[in-house]
PDB file of all heavy atoms in Angstrom:
ATOM      1  N   ASN A   1      29.442  -4.693 -15.961  1.00  0.00           N
ATOM      2  CA  ASN A   1      28.508  -4.226 -15.008  1.00  0.00           C
ATOM      3  C   ASN A   1      27.194  -3.844 -15.659  1.00  0.00           C
ATOM      4  O   ASN A   1      27.153  -3.384 -16.752  1.00  0.00           O
ATOM      5  CB  ASN A   1      29.082  -3.086 -14.192  1.00  0.00           C
ATOM      6  CG  ASN A   1      30.309  -3.486 -13.375  1.00  0.00           C
ATOM      7  OD1 ASN A   1      30.361  -4.649 -12.914  1.00  0.00           O
ATOM      8  ND2 ASN A   1      31.287  -2.558 -13.238  1.00  0.00           N
ATOM      9  N   VAL A   2      26.130  -3.923 -14.821  1.00  0.00           N
ATOM     10  CA  VAL A   2      24.827  -3.353 -15.230  1.00  0.00           C
ATOM     11  C   VAL A   2      24.962  -1.877 -15.233  1.00  0.00           C
ATOM     12  O   VAL A   2      25.473  -1.258 -14.308  1.00  0.00           O
ATOM     13  CB  VAL A   2      23.715  -3.798 -14.257  1.00  0.00           C
ATOM     14  CG1 VAL A   2      22.438  -3.177 -14.628  1.00  0.00           C
ATOM     15  CG2 VAL A   2      23.598  -5.345 -14.259  1.00  0.00           C
ATOM     16  N   PRO A   3      24.519  -1.191 -16.323  1.00  0.00           N
ATOM     17  CA  PRO A   3      24.666   0.264 -16.378  1.00  0.00           C
ATOM     18  C   PRO A   3      24.086   0.977 -15.222  1.00  0.00           C
ATOM     19  O   PRO A   3      22.972   0.663 -14.788  1.00  0.00           O
ATOM     20  CB  PRO A   3      23.975   0.650 -17.659  1.00  0.00           C
ATOM     21  CG  PRO A   3      24.021  -0.622 -18.557  1.00  0.00           C
ATOM     22  CD  PRO A   3      23.915  -1.745 -17.539  1.00  0.00           C
ATOM     23  N   HIS A   4      24.786   1.947 -14.594  1.00  0.00           N
ATOM     24  CA  HIS A   4      24.256   2.704 -13.438  1.00  0.00           C
ATOM     25  C   HIS A   4      25.112   3.958 -13.263  1.00  0.00           C
ATOM     26  O   HIS A   4      26.223   4.080 -13.857  1.00  0.00           O
ATOM     27  CB  HIS A   4      24.275   1.859 -12.163  1.00  0.00           C
ATOM     28  CG  HIS A   4      25.607   1.450 -11.715  1.00  0.00           C
ATOM     29  ND1 HIS A   4      26.316   0.392 -12.295  1.00  0.00           N
ATOM     30  CD2 HIS A   4      26.478   1.979 -10.786  1.00  0.00           C
ATOM     31  CE1 HIS A   4      27.465   0.293 -11.700  1.00  0.00           C
ATOM     32  NE2 HIS A   4      27.622   1.250 -10.796  1.00  0.00           N
ATOM     33  N   PHE A   5      24.624   4.800 -12.416  1.00  0.00           N
ATOM     34  CA  PHE A   5      25.427   5.990 -12.036  1.00  0.00           C
ATOM     35  C   PHE A   5      26.194   5.670 -10.757  1.00  0.00           C
ATOM     36  O   PHE A   5      25.673   5.090  -9.842  1.00  0.00           O
ATOM     37  CB  PHE A   5      24.505   7.227 -11.838  1.00  0.00           C
ATOM     38  CG  PHE A   5      23.949   7.794 -13.107  1.00  0.00           C
ATOM     39  CD1 PHE A   5      22.637   7.577 -13.462  1.00  0.00           C
ATOM     40  CD2 PHE A   5      24.768   8.583 -13.906  1.00  0.00           C
ATOM     41  CE1 PHE A   5      22.119   8.123 -14.588  1.00  0.00           C
ATOM     42  CE2 PHE A   5      24.210   9.129 -15.065  1.00  0.00           C
ATOM     43  CZ  PHE A   5      22.914   8.889 -15.418  1.00  0.00           C
ATOM     44  N   GLY A   6      27.448   6.204 -10.741  1.00  0.00           N
ATOM     45  CA  GLY A   6      28.231   6.189  -9.552  1.00  0.00           C
ATOM     46  C   GLY A   6      28.760   7.557  -9.193  1.00  0.00           C
ATOM     47  O   GLY A   6      28.891   8.383 -10.070  1.00  0.00           O
ATOM     48  N   HIS A   7      29.056   7.754  -7.906  1.00  0.00           N
ATOM     49  CA  HIS A   7      29.667   9.049  -7.482  1.00  0.00           C
ATOM     50  C   HIS A   7      31.114   9.176  -8.008  1.00  0.00           C
ATOM     51  O   HIS A   7      31.843   8.175  -7.976  1.00  0.00           O
ATOM     52  CB  HIS A   7      29.590   9.171  -5.991  1.00  0.00           C
ATOM     53  CG  HIS A   7      28.176   9.472  -5.429  1.00  0.00           C
ATOM     54  ND1 HIS A   7      27.172   8.567  -5.531  1.00  0.00           N
ATOM     55  CD2 HIS A   7      27.697  10.608  -4.857  1.00  0.00           C
ATOM     56  CE1 HIS A   7      26.073   9.058  -4.971  1.00  0.00           C
ATOM     57  NE2 HIS A   7      26.368  10.305  -4.600  1.00  0.00           N
ATOM     58  N   GLY A   8      31.378  10.359  -8.380  1.00  0.00           N
ATOM     59  CA  GLY A   8      32.715  10.598  -8.985  1.00  0.00           C
ATOM     60  C   GLY A   8      33.852  10.333  -8.022  1.00  0.00           C
ATOM     61  O   GLY A   8      34.901   9.854  -8.430  1.00  0.00           O
ATOM     62  N   ASP A   9      33.608  10.592  -6.701  1.00  0.00           N
ATOM     63  CA  ASP A   9      34.683  10.336  -5.760  1.00  0.00           C
ATOM     64  C   ASP A   9      34.654   8.915  -5.266  1.00  0.00           C
ATOM     65  O   ASP A   9      35.426   8.517  -4.407  1.00  0.00           O
ATOM     66  CB  ASP A   9      34.523  11.308  -4.550  1.00  0.00           C
ATOM     67  CG  ASP A   9      33.135  11.214  -3.897  1.00  0.00           C
ATOM     68  OD1 ASP A   9      32.336  10.308  -4.358  1.00  0.00           O
ATOM     69  OD2 ASP A   9      32.864  11.962  -3.010  1.00  0.00           O
ATOM     70  N   GLY A  10      33.735   8.120  -5.759  1.00  0.00           N
ATOM     71  CA  GLY A  10      33.652   6.697  -5.460  1.00  0.00           C
ATOM     72  C   GLY A  10      32.901   6.405  -4.199  1.00  0.00           C
ATOM     73  O   GLY A  10      32.726   5.246  -3.797  1.00  0.00           O
ATOM     74  N   GLU A  11      32.367   7.393  -3.466  1.00  0.00           N
ATOM     75  CA  GLU A  11      31.706   7.157  -2.214  1.00  0.00           C
ATOM     76  C   GLU A  11      30.222   7.472  -2.436  1.00  0.00           C
ATOM     77  O   GLU A  11      29.813   8.622  -2.770  1.00  0.00           O
ATOM     78  CB  GLU A  11      32.226   8.102  -1.132  1.00  0.00           C
ATOM     79  CG  GLU A  11      31.654   7.896   0.277  1.00  0.00           C
ATOM     80  CD  GLU A  11      32.116   6.580   0.921  1.00  0.00           C
ATOM     81  OE1 GLU A  11      33.123   6.040   0.477  1.00  0.00           O
ATOM     82  OE2 GLU A  11      31.399   6.061   1.792  1.00  0.00           O
ATOM     83  N   ALA A  12      29.371   6.414  -2.311  1.00  0.00           N
ATOM     84  CA  ALA A  12      27.895   6.585  -2.506  1.00  0.00           C
ATOM     85  C   ALA A  12      27.289   7.254  -1.321  1.00  0.00           C
ATOM     86  O   ALA A  12      27.590   6.910  -0.171  1.00  0.00           O
ATOM     87  CB  ALA A  12      27.282   5.235  -2.782  1.00  0.00           C
ATOM     88  N   CYS A  13      26.393   8.264  -1.528  1.00  0.00           N
ATOM     89  CA  CYS A  13      25.721   8.921  -0.430  1.00  0.00           C
ATOM     90  C   CYS A  13      24.643   8.048   0.181  1.00  0.00           C
ATOM     91  O   CYS A  13      24.183   8.248   1.319  1.00  0.00           O
ATOM     92  CB  CYS A  13      25.162  10.237  -0.884  1.00  0.00           C
ATOM     93  SG  CYS A  13      23.771  10.089  -2.023  1.00  0.00           S
ATOM     94  N   GLY A  14      24.072   7.109  -0.602  1.00  0.00           N
ATOM     95  CA  GLY A  14      23.108   6.192  -0.081  1.00  0.00           C
ATOM     96  C   GLY A  14      21.616   6.704  -0.195  1.00  0.00           C
ATOM     97  O   GLY A  14      20.667   5.942   0.068  1.00  0.00           O
ATOM     98  N   SER A  15      21.392   7.974  -0.534  1.00  0.00           N
ATOM     99  CA  SER A  15      20.040   8.526  -0.606  1.00  0.00           C
ATOM    100  C   SER A  15      19.540   8.750  -1.991  1.00  0.00           C
ATOM    101  O   SER A  15      18.390   9.205  -2.196  1.00  0.00           O
ATOM    102  CB  SER A  15      19.989   9.846   0.220  1.00  0.00           C
ATOM    103  OG  SER A  15      20.377   9.616   1.535  1.00  0.00           O
ATOM    104  N   GLY A  16      20.445   8.556  -2.957  1.00  0.00           N
ATOM    105  CA  GLY A  16      20.034   8.880  -4.376  1.00  0.00           C
ATOM    106  C   GLY A  16      18.828   8.068  -4.823  1.00  0.00           C
ATOM    107  O   GLY A  16      17.881   8.719  -5.385  1.00  0.00           O
ATOM    108  N   PRO A  17      18.794   6.771  -4.697  1.00  0.00           N
ATOM    109  CA  PRO A  17      17.612   5.998  -5.235  1.00  0.00           C
ATOM    110  C   PRO A  17      16.343   6.440  -4.622  1.00  0.00           C
ATOM    111  O   PRO A  17      15.313   6.538  -5.314  1.00  0.00           O
ATOM    112  CB  PRO A  17      17.956   4.543  -4.877  1.00  0.00           C
ATOM    113  CG  PRO A  17      19.428   4.483  -4.783  1.00  0.00           C
ATOM    114  CD  PRO A  17      19.874   5.825  -4.195  1.00  0.00           C
ATOM    115  N   GLU A  18      16.233   6.714  -3.282  1.00  0.00           N
ATOM    116  CA  GLU A  18      15.032   7.147  -2.655  1.00  0.00           C
ATOM    117  C   GLU A  18      14.600   8.480  -3.229  1.00  0.00           C
ATOM    118  O   GLU A  18      13.469   8.729  -3.509  1.00  0.00           O
ATOM    119  CB  GLU A  18      15.234   7.249  -1.133  1.00  0.00           C
ATOM    120  CG  GLU A  18      14.006   7.780  -0.423  1.00  0.00           C
ATOM    121  CD  GLU A  18      14.297   8.036   1.020  1.00  0.00           C
ATOM    122  OE1 GLU A  18      15.363   7.715   1.489  1.00  0.00           O
ATOM    123  OE2 GLU A  18      13.338   8.540   1.665  1.00  0.00           O
ATOM    124  N   THR A  19      15.562   9.413  -3.356  1.00  0.00           N
ATOM    125  CA  THR A  19      15.291  10.762  -3.897  1.00  0.00           C
ATOM    126  C   THR A  19      14.742  10.656  -5.295  1.00  0.00           C
ATOM    127  O   THR A  19      13.832  11.358  -5.674  1.00  0.00           O
ATOM    128  CB  THR A  19      16.561  11.624  -3.853  1.00  0.00           C
ATOM    129  OG1 THR A  19      17.052  11.655  -2.480  1.00  0.00           O
ATOM    130  CG2 THR A  19      16.286  13.054  -4.326  1.00  0.00           C
ATOM    131  N   VAL A  20      15.369   9.771  -6.100  1.00  0.00           N
ATOM    132  CA  VAL A  20      14.861   9.622  -7.502  1.00  0.00           C
ATOM    133  C   VAL A  20      13.391   9.160  -7.469  1.00  0.00           C
ATOM    134  O   VAL A  20      12.601   9.689  -8.261  1.00  0.00           O
ATOM    135  CB  VAL A  20      15.752   8.550  -8.228  1.00  0.00           C
ATOM    136  CG1 VAL A  20      15.098   8.148  -9.526  1.00  0.00           C
ATOM    137  CG2 VAL A  20      17.125   9.142  -8.501  1.00  0.00           C
ATOM    138  N   LEU A  21      13.056   8.139  -6.643  1.00  0.00           N
ATOM    139  CA  LEU A  21      11.689   7.682  -6.577  1.00  0.00           C
ATOM    140  C   LEU A  21      10.765   8.778  -6.180  1.00  0.00           C
ATOM    141  O   LEU A  21       9.686   8.942  -6.709  1.00  0.00           O
ATOM    142  CB  LEU A  21      11.557   6.500  -5.609  1.00  0.00           C
ATOM    143  CG  LEU A  21      12.110   5.144  -6.099  1.00  0.00           C
ATOM    144  CD1 LEU A  21      11.888   4.080  -5.099  1.00  0.00           C
ATOM    145  CD2 LEU A  21      11.456   4.720  -7.430  1.00  0.00           C
ATOM    146  N   HIS A  22      11.196   9.586  -5.230  1.00  0.00           N
ATOM    147  CA  HIS A  22      10.358  10.734  -4.784  1.00  0.00           C
ATOM    148  C   HIS A  22      10.151  11.717  -5.921  1.00  0.00           C
ATOM    149  O   HIS A  22       9.026  12.138  -6.219  1.00  0.00           O
ATOM    150  CB  HIS A  22      11.001  11.471  -3.583  1.00  0.00           C
ATOM    151  CG  HIS A  22      10.681  10.846  -2.286  1.00  0.00           C
ATOM    152  ND1 HIS A  22      11.474   9.983  -1.641  1.00  0.00           N
ATOM    153  CD2 HIS A  22       9.592  11.022  -1.488  1.00  0.00           C
ATOM    154  CE1 HIS A  22      10.932   9.617  -0.533  1.00  0.00           C
ATOM    155  NE2 HIS A  22       9.751  10.247  -0.340  1.00  0.00           N
ATOM    156  N   LEU A  23      11.259  11.995  -6.596  1.00  0.00           N
ATOM    157  CA  LEU A  23      11.129  12.986  -7.702  1.00  0.00           C
ATOM    158  C   LEU A  23      10.271  12.490  -8.879  1.00  0.00           C
ATOM    159  O   LEU A  23       9.484  13.217  -9.426  1.00  0.00           O
ATOM    160  CB  LEU A  23      12.532  13.375  -8.191  1.00  0.00           C
ATOM    161  CG  LEU A  23      13.437  14.102  -7.204  1.00  0.00           C
ATOM    162  CD1 LEU A  23      14.853  14.281  -7.738  1.00  0.00           C
ATOM    163  CD2 LEU A  23      12.844  15.442  -6.855  1.00  0.00           C
ATOM    164  N   LEU A  24      10.480  11.202  -9.223  1.00  0.00           N
ATOM    165  CA  LEU A  24       9.708  10.697 -10.324  1.00  0.00           C
ATOM    166  C   LEU A  24       8.243  10.543  -9.957  1.00  0.00           C
ATOM    167  O   LEU A  24       7.346  10.751 -10.786  1.00  0.00           O
ATOM    168  CB  LEU A  24      10.243   9.273 -10.697  1.00  0.00           C
ATOM    169  CG  LEU A  24      11.622   9.334 -11.395  1.00  0.00           C
ATOM    170  CD1 LEU A  24      12.174   7.895 -11.658  1.00  0.00           C
ATOM    171  CD2 LEU A  24      11.594  10.115 -12.744  1.00  0.00           C
ATOM    172  N   ALA A  25       7.985  10.174  -8.623  1.00  0.00           N
ATOM    173  CA  ALA A  25       6.563  10.127  -8.196  1.00  0.00           C
ATOM    174  C   ALA A  25       5.915  11.473  -8.324  1.00  0.00           C
ATOM    175  O   ALA A  25       4.765  11.592  -8.667  1.00  0.00           O
ATOM    176  CB  ALA A  25       6.551   9.603  -6.768  1.00  0.00           C
ATOM    177  N   LYS A  26       6.669  12.514  -7.947  1.00  0.00           N
ATOM    178  CA  LYS A  26       6.095  13.867  -8.005  1.00  0.00           C
ATOM    179  C   LYS A  26       5.858  14.240  -9.474  1.00  0.00           C
ATOM    180  O   LYS A  26       4.842  14.926  -9.776  1.00  0.00           O
ATOM    181  CB  LYS A  26       7.058  14.869  -7.429  1.00  0.00           C
ATOM    182  CG  LYS A  26       7.201  14.629  -5.848  1.00  0.00           C
ATOM    183  CD  LYS A  26       8.263  15.561  -5.266  1.00  0.00           C
ATOM    184  CE  LYS A  26       8.470  15.259  -3.798  1.00  0.00           C
ATOM    185  NZ  LYS A  26       9.502  16.141  -3.200  1.00  0.00           N
ATOM    186  N   GLU A  27       6.756  13.860 -10.408  1.00  0.00           N
ATOM    187  CA  GLU A  27       6.547  14.154 -11.780  1.00  0.00           C
ATOM    188  C   GLU A  27       5.259  13.576 -12.344  1.00  0.00           C
ATOM    189  O   GLU A  27       4.632  14.124 -13.242  1.00  0.00           O
ATOM    190  CB  GLU A  27       7.750  13.608 -12.621  1.00  0.00           C
ATOM    191  CG  GLU A  27       8.981  14.464 -12.543  1.00  0.00           C
ATOM    192  CD  GLU A  27      10.065  13.962 -13.478  1.00  0.00           C
ATOM    193  OE1 GLU A  27       9.722  13.055 -14.248  1.00  0.00           O
ATOM    194  OE2 GLU A  27      11.152  14.494 -13.481  1.00  0.00           O
ATOM    195  N   VAL A  28       4.848  12.382 -11.794  1.00  0.00           N
ATOM    196  CA  VAL A  28       3.647  11.729 -12.244  1.00  0.00           C
ATOM    197  C   VAL A  28       2.466  12.651 -12.173  1.00  0.00           C
ATOM    198  O   VAL A  28       1.574  12.675 -13.014  1.00  0.00           O
ATOM    199  CB  VAL A  28       3.422  10.431 -11.450  1.00  0.00           C
ATOM    200  CG1 VAL A  28       2.067   9.789 -11.764  1.00  0.00           C
ATOM    201  CG2 VAL A  28       4.541   9.395 -11.772  1.00  0.00           C
ATOM    202  N   PHE A  29       2.374  13.425 -11.078  1.00  0.00           N
ATOM    203  CA  PHE A  29       1.177  14.213 -10.781  1.00  0.00           C
ATOM    204  C   PHE A  29       1.127  15.540 -11.590  1.00  0.00           C
ATOM    205  O   PHE A  29       0.121  16.308 -11.528  1.00  0.00           O
ATOM    206  CB  PHE A  29       1.089  14.506  -9.323  1.00  0.00           C
ATOM    207  CG  PHE A  29       0.641  13.329  -8.504  1.00  0.00           C
ATOM    208  CD1 PHE A  29       1.590  12.450  -7.926  1.00  0.00           C
ATOM    209  CD2 PHE A  29      -0.669  13.000  -8.351  1.00  0.00           C
ATOM    210  CE1 PHE A  29       1.214  11.355  -7.172  1.00  0.00           C
ATOM    211  CE2 PHE A  29      -1.082  11.896  -7.635  1.00  0.00           C
ATOM    212  CZ  PHE A  29      -0.129  11.078  -7.042  1.00  0.00           C
ATOM    213  N   ARG A  30       2.178  15.871 -12.296  1.00  0.00           N
ATOM    214  CA  ARG A  30       2.197  17.095 -13.055  1.00  0.00           C
ATOM    215  C   ARG A  30       1.262  17.142 -14.195  1.00  0.00           C
ATOM    216  O   ARG A  30       0.851  18.152 -14.765  1.00  0.00           O
ATOM    217  CB  ARG A  30       3.645  17.448 -13.539  1.00  0.00           C
ATOM    218  CG  ARG A  30       4.600  17.762 -12.379  1.00  0.00           C
ATOM    219  CD  ARG A  30       5.979  18.155 -12.908  1.00  0.00           C
ATOM    220  NE  ARG A  30       6.899  18.418 -11.809  1.00  0.00           N
ATOM    221  CZ  ARG A  30       6.944  19.527 -11.083  1.00  0.00           C
ATOM    222  NH1 ARG A  30       6.113  20.553 -11.429  1.00  0.00           N
ATOM    223  NH2 ARG A  30       7.822  19.668 -10.133  1.00  0.00           N
ATOM    224  N   THR A  31       0.833  15.916 -14.613  1.00  0.00           N
ATOM    225  CA  THR A  31      -0.116  15.801 -15.772  1.00  0.00           C
ATOM    226  C   THR A  31      -1.556  15.560 -15.265  1.00  0.00           C
ATOM    227  O   THR A  31      -2.425  15.188 -16.087  1.00  0.00           O
ATOM    228  CB  THR A  31       0.321  14.645 -16.680  1.00  0.00           C
ATOM    229  OG1 THR A  31       0.307  13.467 -15.865  1.00  0.00           O
ATOM    230  CG2 THR A  31       1.667  14.889 -17.260  1.00  0.00           C
ATOM    231  N   ASN A  32      -1.799  15.779 -13.983  1.00  0.00           N
ATOM    232  CA  ASN A  32      -3.119  15.565 -13.375  1.00  0.00           C
ATOM    233  C   ASN A  32      -3.750  14.197 -13.687  1.00  0.00           C
ATOM    234  O   ASN A  32      -4.841  14.094 -14.271  1.00  0.00           O
ATOM    235  CB  ASN A  32      -4.086  16.718 -13.841  1.00  0.00           C
ATOM    236  CG  ASN A  32      -3.647  18.079 -13.452  1.00  0.00           C
ATOM    237  OD1 ASN A  32      -2.998  18.236 -12.409  1.00  0.00           O
ATOM    238  ND2 ASN A  32      -3.890  19.090 -14.292  1.00  0.00           N
ATOM    239  N   PRO A  33      -3.042  13.123 -13.387  1.00  0.00           N
ATOM    240  CA  PRO A  33      -3.511  11.805 -13.768  1.00  0.00           C
ATOM    241  C   PRO A  33      -4.629  11.265 -12.754  1.00  0.00           C
ATOM    242  O   PRO A  33      -4.759  11.853 -11.692  1.00  0.00           O
ATOM    243  CB  PRO A  33      -2.278  10.936 -13.557  1.00  0.00           C
ATOM    244  CG  PRO A  33      -1.523  11.598 -12.458  1.00  0.00           C
ATOM    245  CD  PRO A  33      -1.767  13.067 -12.607  1.00  0.00           C
ATOM    246  N   PRO A  34      -5.348  10.220 -13.133  1.00  0.00           N
ATOM    247  CA  PRO A  34      -6.318   9.613 -12.183  1.00  0.00           C
ATOM    248  C   PRO A  34      -5.529   8.823 -11.113  1.00  0.00           C
ATOM    249  O   PRO A  34      -4.538   8.194 -11.420  1.00  0.00           O
ATOM    250  CB  PRO A  34      -7.144   8.670 -13.035  1.00  0.00           C
ATOM    251  CG  PRO A  34      -6.283   8.379 -14.188  1.00  0.00           C
ATOM    252  CD  PRO A  34      -5.424   9.588 -14.469  1.00  0.00           C
ATOM    253  N   LEU A  35      -6.032   8.841  -9.871  1.00  0.00           N
ATOM    254  CA  LEU A  35      -5.345   8.245  -8.736  1.00  0.00           C
ATOM    255  C   LEU A  35      -6.363   7.312  -8.038  1.00  0.00           C
ATOM    256  O   LEU A  35      -7.506   7.661  -7.821  1.00  0.00           O
ATOM    257  CB  LEU A  35      -4.862   9.337  -7.748  1.00  0.00           C
ATOM    258  CG  LEU A  35      -4.297   8.807  -6.437  1.00  0.00           C
ATOM    259  CD1 LEU A  35      -2.997   8.049  -6.671  1.00  0.00           C
ATOM    260  CD2 LEU A  35      -4.126   9.968  -5.471  1.00  0.00           C
ATOM    261  N   LEU A  36      -5.840   6.169  -7.639  1.00  0.00           N
ATOM    262  CA  LEU A  36      -6.658   5.155  -6.897  1.00  0.00           C
ATOM    263  C   LEU A  36      -6.512   5.490  -5.427  1.00  0.00           C
ATOM    264  O   LEU A  36      -5.385   5.354  -4.887  1.00  0.00           O
ATOM    265  CB  LEU A  36      -6.230   3.741  -7.179  1.00  0.00           C
ATOM    266  CG  LEU A  36      -6.980   2.690  -6.330  1.00  0.00           C
ATOM    267  CD1 LEU A  36      -8.490   2.679  -6.719  1.00  0.00           C
ATOM    268  CD2 LEU A  36      -6.373   1.283  -6.634  1.00  0.00           C
ATOM    269  N   LEU A  37      -7.573   5.904  -4.778  1.00  0.00           N
ATOM    270  CA  LEU A  37      -7.538   6.180  -3.303  1.00  0.00           C
ATOM    271  C   LEU A  37      -7.891   4.857  -2.636  1.00  0.00           C
ATOM    272  O   LEU A  37      -8.670   4.002  -3.103  1.00  0.00           O
ATOM    273  CB  LEU A  37      -8.658   7.197  -2.966  1.00  0.00           C
ATOM    274  CG  LEU A  37      -8.394   8.603  -3.528  1.00  0.00           C
ATOM    275  CD1 LEU A  37      -9.503   9.529  -3.121  1.00  0.00           C
ATOM    276  CD2 LEU A  37      -7.059   9.159  -3.117  1.00  0.00           C
ATOM    277  N   PRO A  38      -7.238   4.594  -1.495  1.00  0.00           N
ATOM    278  CA  PRO A  38      -7.427   3.283  -0.752  1.00  0.00           C
ATOM    279  C   PRO A  38      -8.806   3.264  -0.071  1.00  0.00           C
ATOM    280  O   PRO A  38      -9.498   4.260   0.084  1.00  0.00           O
ATOM    281  CB  PRO A  38      -6.312   3.272   0.279  1.00  0.00           C
ATOM    282  CG  PRO A  38      -6.012   4.735   0.520  1.00  0.00           C
ATOM    283  CD  PRO A  38      -6.252   5.434  -0.773  1.00  0.00           C
ATOM    284  N   LYS A  39      -9.184   2.002   0.278  1.00  0.00           N
ATOM    285  CA  LYS A  39     -10.450   1.846   1.008  1.00  0.00           C
ATOM    286  C   LYS A  39     -10.283   2.421   2.403  1.00  0.00           C
ATOM    287  O   LYS A  39      -9.141   2.576   2.888  1.00  0.00           O
ATOM    288  CB  LYS A  39     -10.823   0.360   1.098  1.00  0.00           C
ATOM    289  CG  LYS A  39      -9.794  -0.470   1.821  1.00  0.00           C
ATOM    290  CD  LYS A  39     -10.231  -1.953   1.766  1.00  0.00           C
ATOM    291  CE  LYS A  39      -9.196  -2.776   2.541  1.00  0.00           C
ATOM    292  NZ  LYS A  39      -9.538  -4.251   2.555  1.00  0.00           N
TER     293      LYS A  39
END
């Protein structure tokens, strides 16, 4: 298998990947980076 995390009880909650993207996206701004604002 491709390496990944699974729930210990074998039942996936389904929200983990979205939550990870949210958390990682928030981490990006902790270093005050430049941001491209849309037109």
